[in-house]
Amino acid sequence: MRYFRLSFLALVLFFGTAYGQKRAVSKPVREEVIKNIDFVDKEAVFSKGGETGFRELLASNTDLDKIDRYEGFSEEKKKKIQELISEKKPVPPVLLSTRLTFVVEPNGTLSNVSAKGENQSFNKEMERAALAINAKWIPAEIKGKKVRFLYNMSIKMRIE
């Protein structure tokens, strides 16, 4: 009896979900829409094609003498909007900081140049500036012998 109830429940659930769903009914397409699409496709042949051709077609069919200005828009309002757009807003000062690390080789050249900070473009610029230095660096010496030495520099720049 238990298996009968279980199988009966499974059949009810299966047929209920299978036949209980609505089928998608395709809507008939009106002939007007098809006619308009055909009309647009035949007429939409632009000499230069694409976006440029559409702009040409639009400009050639627009009569600029008939375009009216907005009646409620006075010259004072227009000037006020222009002032708001062109007004220079105060920019808060920015503090850029990075930690430049490099190795001075025994021959006076730089190697392993890296900069770490919040601003990636500032870091790259500091690395580029360090590598652009053409002067020979004075290497460190231990017991009269020139050795490699790791330098750390903290660089801060305030832009106002």
Protein backbone atom coordinates (compact mmCIF):
# COMPACT_ATOMS: atom_id res chain seq x y z
CA MET A 1 0.00 0.00 0.00
CA ARG A 2 2.89 2.30 0.81
CA TYR A 3 4.44 1.89 -2.67
CA PHE A 4 1.07 2.50 -4.31
CA ARG A 5 0.68 5.85 -2.53
CA LEU A 6 4.22 6.87 -3.40
CA SER A 7 3.86 5.94 -7.08
CA PHE A 8 0.43 7.61 -7.25
CA LEU A 9 1.89 10.81 -5.76
CA ALA A 10 4.77 10.72 -8.26
CA LEU A 11 2.34 10.31 -11.19
CA VAL A 12 0.15 13.19 -9.99
CA LEU A 13 3.15 15.47 -9.60
CA PHE A 14 4.61 14.50 -12.98
CA PHE A 15 1.41 14.91 -14.98
CA GLY A 16 0.44 18.01 -13.03
CA THR A 17 3.65 19.79 -13.93
CA ALA A 18 3.87 18.41 -17.47
CA TYR A 19 0.33 19.27 -18.53
CA GLY A 20 -0.26 22.16 -16.18
CA GLN A 21 2.13 24.52 -17.93
CA LYS A 22 0.88 26.89 -20.57
CA ARG A 23 2.33 26.53 -24.00
CA ALA A 24 3.77 29.54 -25.72
CA VAL A 25 1.42 30.63 -28.45
CA SER A 26 3.05 32.48 -31.30
CA LYS A 27 1.28 35.70 -32.17
CA PRO A 28 0.45 36.27 -35.80
CA VAL A 29 2.53 39.01 -37.39
CA ARG A 30 0.49 41.79 -38.86
CA GLU A 31 1.05 42.53 -42.50
CA GLU A 32 1.42 46.25 -41.74
CA VAL A 33 4.60 45.66 -39.78
CA ILE A 34 6.05 43.52 -42.55
CA LYS A 35 5.16 46.16 -45.14
CA ASN A 36 6.80 48.90 -43.05
CA ILE A 37 9.95 46.80 -42.63
CA ASP A 38 10.13 46.24 -46.38
CA PHE A 39 9.59 49.93 -46.99
CA VAL A 40 12.34 50.94 -44.53
CA ASP A 41 14.78 48.37 -45.90
CA LYS A 42 14.30 49.58 -49.48
CA GLU A 43 14.54 53.26 -48.58
CA ALA A 44 17.43 52.97 -46.11
CA VAL A 45 20.19 52.77 -48.68
CA PHE A 46 22.72 55.46 -47.77
CA SER A 47 25.33 56.71 -50.19
CA LYS A 48 28.16 56.38 -47.67
CA GLY A 49 26.46 53.63 -45.72
CA GLY A 50 26.21 53.12 -42.00
CA GLU A 51 26.15 55.91 -39.47
CA THR A 52 27.67 58.57 -41.74
CA GLY A 53 25.06 57.97 -44.40
CA PHE A 54 22.28 58.22 -41.84
CA ARG A 55 23.66 61.53 -40.58
CA GLU A 56 23.83 62.86 -44.15
CA LEU A 57 20.26 61.78 -44.80
CA LEU A 58 19.07 63.40 -41.58
CA ALA A 59 20.93 66.65 -42.27
CA SER A 60 19.67 66.87 -45.85
CA ASN A 61 16.04 66.43 -44.77
CA THR A 62 16.19 68.90 -41.86
CA ASP A 63 15.19 72.47 -42.59
CA LEU A 64 17.12 74.56 -40.07
CA ASP A 65 14.96 77.64 -40.67
CA LYS A 66 11.97 75.89 -39.13
CA ILE A 67 13.65 74.92 -35.85
CA ASP A 68 12.31 77.15 -33.06
CA ARG A 69 14.07 78.10 -29.90
CA TYR A 70 12.52 77.03 -26.63
CA GLU A 71 10.10 79.82 -25.72
CA GLY A 72 10.55 79.68 -21.94
CA PHE A 73 14.35 79.81 -22.12
CA SER A 74 15.58 83.38 -21.65
CA GLU A 75 19.05 84.68 -22.44
CA GLU A 76 19.71 85.17 -18.71
CA LYS A 77 19.12 81.48 -18.01
CA LYS A 78 21.32 80.55 -20.95
CA LYS A 79 24.19 82.72 -19.63
CA LYS A 80 23.76 81.33 -16.11
CA ILE A 81 24.04 77.75 -17.39
CA GLN A 82 27.12 78.66 -19.44
CA GLU A 83 28.73 80.19 -16.34
CA LEU A 84 27.98 77.09 -14.28
CA ILE A 85 29.51 74.84 -16.92
CA SER A 86 32.63 76.93 -17.50
CA GLU A 87 33.14 77.83 -13.82
CA LYS A 88 36.34 76.36 -12.46
CA LYS A 89 35.69 74.27 -9.40
CA PRO A 90 38.28 74.26 -6.63
CA VAL A 91 40.32 71.09 -6.64
CA PRO A 92 41.42 69.74 -3.27
CA PRO A 93 45.16 69.31 -2.83
CA VAL A 94 46.43 65.81 -3.47
CA LEU A 95 49.29 64.15 -1.62
CA LEU A 96 51.05 61.44 -3.63
CA SER A 97 53.54 59.21 -1.90
CA THR A 98 55.60 56.21 -2.90
CA ARG A 99 58.52 54.21 -1.57
CA LEU A 100 61.27 53.91 -4.16
CA THR A 101 63.63 50.97 -3.73
CA PHE A 102 66.70 50.31 -5.88
CA VAL A 103 70.11 48.67 -5.77
CA VAL A 104 73.31 50.58 -6.52
CA GLU A 105 75.72 48.17 -8.19
CA PRO A 106 79.51 48.28 -7.57
CA ASN A 107 79.99 49.96 -10.97
CA GLY A 108 77.58 52.81 -10.02
CA THR A 109 74.54 51.78 -12.05
CA LEU A 110 71.02 51.18 -10.74
CA SER A 111 69.17 47.88 -10.81
CA ASN A 112 66.02 46.34 -9.32
CA VAL A 113 64.17 49.67 -9.33
CA SER A 114 60.68 49.43 -7.88
CA ALA A 115 58.19 51.87 -6.41
CA LYS A 116 55.29 50.98 -4.14
CA GLY A 117 52.47 53.35 -3.30
CA GLU A 118 48.76 53.93 -3.76
CA ASN A 119 48.91 55.66 -7.16
CA GLN A 120 50.17 53.30 -9.88
CA SER A 121 50.90 56.02 -12.44
CA PHE A 122 52.95 57.97 -9.87
CA ASN A 123 54.85 54.77 -9.02
CA LYS A 124 55.68 54.13 -12.68
CA GLU A 125 56.79 57.73 -13.16
CA MET A 126 59.13 57.52 -10.16
CA GLU A 127 60.64 54.29 -11.52
CA ARG A 128 61.11 55.93 -14.93
CA ALA A 129 62.70 59.01 -13.36
CA ALA A 130 65.14 56.91 -11.32
CA LEU A 131 66.19 54.90 -14.38
CA ALA A 132 66.59 58.10 -16.43
CA ILE A 133 69.37 59.40 -14.17
CA ASN A 134 72.54 59.13 -16.26
CA ALA A 135 74.99 60.00 -13.48
CA LYS A 136 76.95 57.22 -11.83
CA TRP A 137 76.02 56.58 -8.24
CA ILE A 138 78.70 56.19 -5.59
CA PRO A 139 78.47 52.59 -4.39
CA ALA A 140 78.82 51.53 -0.77
CA GLU A 141 82.18 50.23 0.45
CA ILE A 142 83.00 47.58 3.00
CA LYS A 143 86.69 47.35 4.01
CA GLY A 144 87.65 49.33 0.91
CA LYS A 145 85.77 47.04 -1.49
CA LYS A 146 82.78 48.36 -3.49
CA VAL A 147 79.60 46.34 -2.87
CA ARG A 148 75.95 46.33 -3.90
CA PHE A 149 73.72 48.38 -1.65
CA LEU A 150 69.94 48.59 -1.31
CA TYR A 151 68.50 52.12 -1.08
CA ASN A 152 65.01 53.02 0.13
CA MET A 153 63.59 56.47 -0.54
CA SER A 154 60.26 57.79 0.58
CA ILE A 155 58.98 60.31 -1.98
CA LYS A 156 56.02 62.59 -1.33
CA MET A 157 54.57 65.13 -3.72
CA ARG A 158 51.79 67.57 -2.92
CA ILE A 159 49.77 68.85 -5.88
CA GLU A 160 47.68 71.96 -5.27
